[in-house]
Amino acid sequence: MSVTPEEFTMVDFDPAEIVGIATELMDRVGFDGELAIVVDEASPLARSTLTAGNPVTVEVEGGAFEDTKRPRQLSPDRTADVLGRLLLRHLDRQAGFSEAPGEDDLSLAEHSAWEVYAVGRLDRLGYRSQKKRRLYQFRNRHGFTDAADAAFERLWTGEGLTWSDVVTISEEAREAVSPD
């Protein structure tokens, strides 16, 4: 595993701590490939992407790993959240999600539903999840309805879902807001 840069100068991040968080996370989610983490420490934004390959490359802007209450400090919780979501979605694409569109082609509702499915699994592994925040984000894309809340719970507690399952759950929630 690698972390770039090897020494941070603009933020107080320790590459060894990032490696430790990533190593534990990889073991817990079942990722056994090579991982390269590239941090743009000059950016306070929180964008993150994963590129499949050998190694799998995760690129993040510095704000993605930053503690929101202590600027320029690494947040182990945020680091695990970002890496965990990306790795789980990467693993999903290898088992039952082959028909999922590319990241840029996902609708906002599909992206939101898939995020809920990933973060729910992280929550069950003992990682900090901010469930209420995730529910609010889901409601913004699927409606503030009982049907949306039920769909959220199905995704949050889901195991072994396929892309078709995620899309169906998402569509059912959206249909309750604007039935055709």
Protein backbone atom coordinates (compact mmCIF):
# COMPACT_ATOMS: atom_id res chain seq x y z
CA MET A 1 0.00 0.00 0.00
CA SER A 2 1.16 3.51 -0.67
CA VAL A 3 0.16 6.98 0.47
CA THR A 4 1.14 10.04 -1.52
CA PRO A 5 2.61 12.37 -0.51
CA GLU A 6 4.99 10.46 1.73
CA GLU A 7 5.31 13.58 3.89
CA PHE A 8 2.55 16.15 4.33
CA THR A 9 3.52 19.81 4.55
CA MET A 10 0.19 21.67 4.38
CA VAL A 11 -1.89 19.46 6.69
CA ASP A 12 -0.97 17.50 9.79
CA PHE A 13 -1.64 14.03 8.35
CA ASP A 14 0.53 11.05 9.16
CA PRO A 15 0.86 8.64 6.22
CA ALA A 16 1.46 5.75 8.66
CA GLU A 17 -1.86 6.50 10.37
CA ILE A 18 -3.65 6.52 7.02
CA VAL A 19 -2.02 3.18 6.14
CA GLY A 20 -3.13 1.77 9.50
CA ILE A 21 -6.73 2.88 9.01
CA ALA A 22 -6.77 1.58 5.43
CA THR A 23 -5.16 -1.75 6.32
CA GLU A 24 -7.70 -2.51 9.05
CA LEU A 25 -10.55 -1.40 6.81
CA MET A 26 -9.36 -3.50 3.86
CA ASP A 27 -9.25 -6.56 6.11
CA ARG A 28 -12.71 -5.92 7.55
CA VAL A 29 -14.43 -5.33 4.20
CA GLY A 30 -12.62 -8.16 2.44
CA PHE A 31 -10.48 -6.18 0.00
CA ASP A 32 -7.25 -8.03 -0.70
CA GLY A 33 -5.84 -6.02 -3.61
CA GLU A 34 -3.15 -3.39 -3.80
CA LEU A 35 -4.21 0.12 -2.80
CA ALA A 36 -2.65 3.49 -3.59
CA ILE A 37 -4.01 6.54 -1.76
CA VAL A 38 -3.27 9.94 -3.27
CA VAL A 39 -4.12 12.99 -1.16
CA ASP A 40 -4.27 16.49 -2.62
CA GLU A 41 -3.33 18.26 0.59
CA ALA A 42 -3.65 21.70 -1.02
CA SER A 43 -7.41 21.34 -1.45
CA PRO A 44 -9.78 21.84 1.50
CA LEU A 45 -12.59 20.24 -0.50
CA ALA A 46 -13.78 16.69 0.14
CA ARG A 47 -14.03 15.11 -3.31
CA SER A 48 -12.95 11.48 -3.55
CA THR A 49 -12.68 9.01 -6.43
CA LEU A 50 -11.59 5.43 -6.93
CA THR A 51 -9.98 4.13 -10.09
CA ALA A 52 -9.90 0.39 -10.62
CA GLY A 53 -6.61 -1.14 -11.67
CA ASN A 54 -3.55 -2.64 -10.13
CA PRO A 55 -3.21 -0.98 -7.75
CA VAL A 56 -6.68 0.36 -7.05
CA THR A 57 -6.16 4.10 -6.69
CA VAL A 58 -8.12 6.31 -4.32
CA GLU A 59 -7.68 10.03 -4.93
CA VAL A 60 -8.97 12.43 -2.30
CA GLU A 61 -8.87 16.13 -1.71
CA GLY A 62 -7.47 16.94 1.72
CA GLY A 63 -10.82 17.94 3.15
CA ALA A 64 -12.11 14.39 2.71
CA PHE A 65 -9.86 13.14 5.51
CA GLU A 66 -9.84 16.32 7.59
CA ASP A 67 -11.40 16.69 11.03
CA THR A 68 -14.19 19.23 10.59
CA LYS A 69 -13.68 20.58 14.12
CA ARG A 70 -9.87 20.69 13.97
CA PRO A 71 -8.73 22.14 10.65
CA ARG A 72 -5.70 20.52 9.01
CA GLN A 73 -5.89 17.50 11.37
CA LEU A 74 -6.60 13.96 10.20
CA SER A 75 -9.95 12.49 11.19
CA PRO A 76 -9.71 8.70 11.52
CA ASP A 77 -13.52 8.45 11.31
CA ARG A 78 -13.78 10.47 8.09
CA THR A 79 -10.82 8.61 6.61
CA ALA A 80 -12.46 5.24 7.33
CA ASP A 81 -15.81 6.51 6.01
CA VAL A 82 -14.39 7.73 2.69
CA LEU A 83 -12.14 4.72 2.10
CA GLY A 84 -14.82 2.29 3.27
CA ARG A 85 -17.53 3.65 0.97
CA LEU A 86 -15.21 3.63 -2.02
CA LEU A 87 -13.83 0.15 -1.34
CA LEU A 88 -17.26 -1.38 -0.74
CA ARG A 89 -18.59 0.12 -3.95
CA HIS A 90 -15.50 -1.18 -5.77
CA LEU A 91 -16.14 -4.66 -4.35
CA ASP A 92 -19.83 -4.37 -5.28
CA ARG A 93 -18.89 -3.79 -8.91
CA GLN A 94 -17.14 -7.16 -8.89
CA ALA A 95 -20.11 -9.10 -7.48
CA GLY A 96 -23.66 -8.36 -8.60
CA PHE A 97 -23.21 -4.77 -9.75
CA SER A 98 -21.65 -5.37 -13.15
CA GLU A 99 -24.60 -3.66 -14.85
CA ALA A 100 -24.26 -0.52 -12.73
CA PRO A 101 -23.46 2.56 -14.80
CA GLY A 102 -20.15 4.36 -14.42
CA GLU A 103 -19.85 6.84 -11.57
CA ASP A 104 -20.48 9.82 -13.85
CA ASP A 105 -23.62 8.20 -15.26
CA LEU A 106 -25.34 7.46 -11.94
CA SER A 107 -28.41 9.54 -11.20
CA LEU A 108 -28.36 11.46 -7.92
CA ALA A 109 -30.98 9.06 -6.53
CA GLU A 110 -28.97 5.99 -7.57
CA HIS A 111 -25.79 7.43 -6.09
CA SER A 112 -27.59 8.23 -2.84
CA ALA A 113 -29.13 4.75 -2.59
CA TRP A 114 -25.79 3.03 -3.22
CA GLU A 115 -24.10 5.23 -0.61
CA VAL A 116 -26.72 4.21 1.97
CA TYR A 117 -26.15 0.54 1.17
CA ALA A 118 -22.37 0.96 1.57
CA VAL A 119 -22.48 3.04 4.75
CA GLY A 120 -25.01 0.71 6.36
CA ARG A 121 -22.50 -2.12 5.94
CA LEU A 122 -19.74 0.04 7.42
CA ASP A 123 -22.02 0.77 10.37
CA ARG A 124 -22.49 -2.96 11.01
CA LEU A 125 -18.69 -3.34 10.98
CA GLY A 126 -18.52 -0.83 13.84
CA TYR A 127 -17.52 2.30 11.93
CA ARG A 128 -19.06 5.69 12.66
CA SER A 129 -21.92 6.19 10.22
CA GLN A 130 -23.95 9.34 10.93
CA LYS A 131 -27.19 7.52 10.13
CA LYS A 132 -29.43 10.57 10.58
CA ARG A 133 -27.30 12.60 8.17
CA ARG A 134 -27.47 9.77 5.62
CA LEU A 135 -31.25 9.52 6.05
CA TYR A 136 -31.63 13.25 5.39
CA GLN A 137 -29.49 13.02 2.24
CA PHE A 138 -31.54 10.03 1.08
CA ARG A 139 -34.81 11.88 1.70
CA ASN A 140 -33.57 14.81 -0.38
CA ARG A 141 -33.31 12.47 -3.39
CA HIS A 142 -36.24 10.14 -2.66
CA GLY A 143 -38.79 12.29 -0.83
CA PHE A 144 -39.77 12.86 2.76
CA THR A 145 -42.23 9.97 2.89
CA ASP A 146 -42.80 6.79 4.84
CA ALA A 147 -41.96 4.88 1.67
CA ALA A 148 -38.58 6.64 1.42
CA ASP A 149 -37.85 5.89 5.07
CA ALA A 150 -38.73 2.22 4.56
CA ALA A 151 -36.51 2.10 1.45
CA PHE A 152 -33.67 3.67 3.41
CA GLU A 153 -33.97 0.96 6.09
CA ARG A 154 -33.98 -1.80 3.47
CA LEU A 155 -30.76 -0.41 1.99
CA TRP A 156 -29.16 0.36 5.38
CA THR A 157 -29.76 -3.14 6.69
CA GLY A 158 -29.29 -4.88 3.35
CA GLU A 159 -26.80 -7.69 2.78
CA GLY A 160 -25.94 -9.24 -0.55
CA LEU A 161 -27.97 -6.77 -2.60
CA THR A 162 -27.41 -6.52 -6.34
CA TRP A 163 -27.46 -3.38 -8.44
CA SER A 164 -30.96 -4.33 -9.60
CA ASP A 165 -32.08 -4.53 -5.95
CA VAL A 166 -30.65 -1.08 -5.15
CA VAL A 167 -32.30 0.48 -8.22
CA THR A 168 -35.65 -1.17 -7.50
CA ILE A 169 -35.64 0.03 -3.89
CA SER A 170 -34.70 3.54 -5.01
CA GLU A 171 -37.37 3.65 -7.72
CA GLU A 172 -40.09 2.40 -5.35
CA ALA A 173 -39.27 5.22 -2.93
CA ARG A 174 -39.32 7.84 -5.68
CA GLU A 175 -42.60 6.53 -7.10
CA ALA A 176 -44.31 7.20 -3.77
CA VAL A 177 -43.55 10.90 -4.28
CA SER A 178 -44.55 11.16 -7.93
CA PRO A 179 -46.44 8.06 -9.10
CA ASP A 180 -46.77 7.77 -12.88
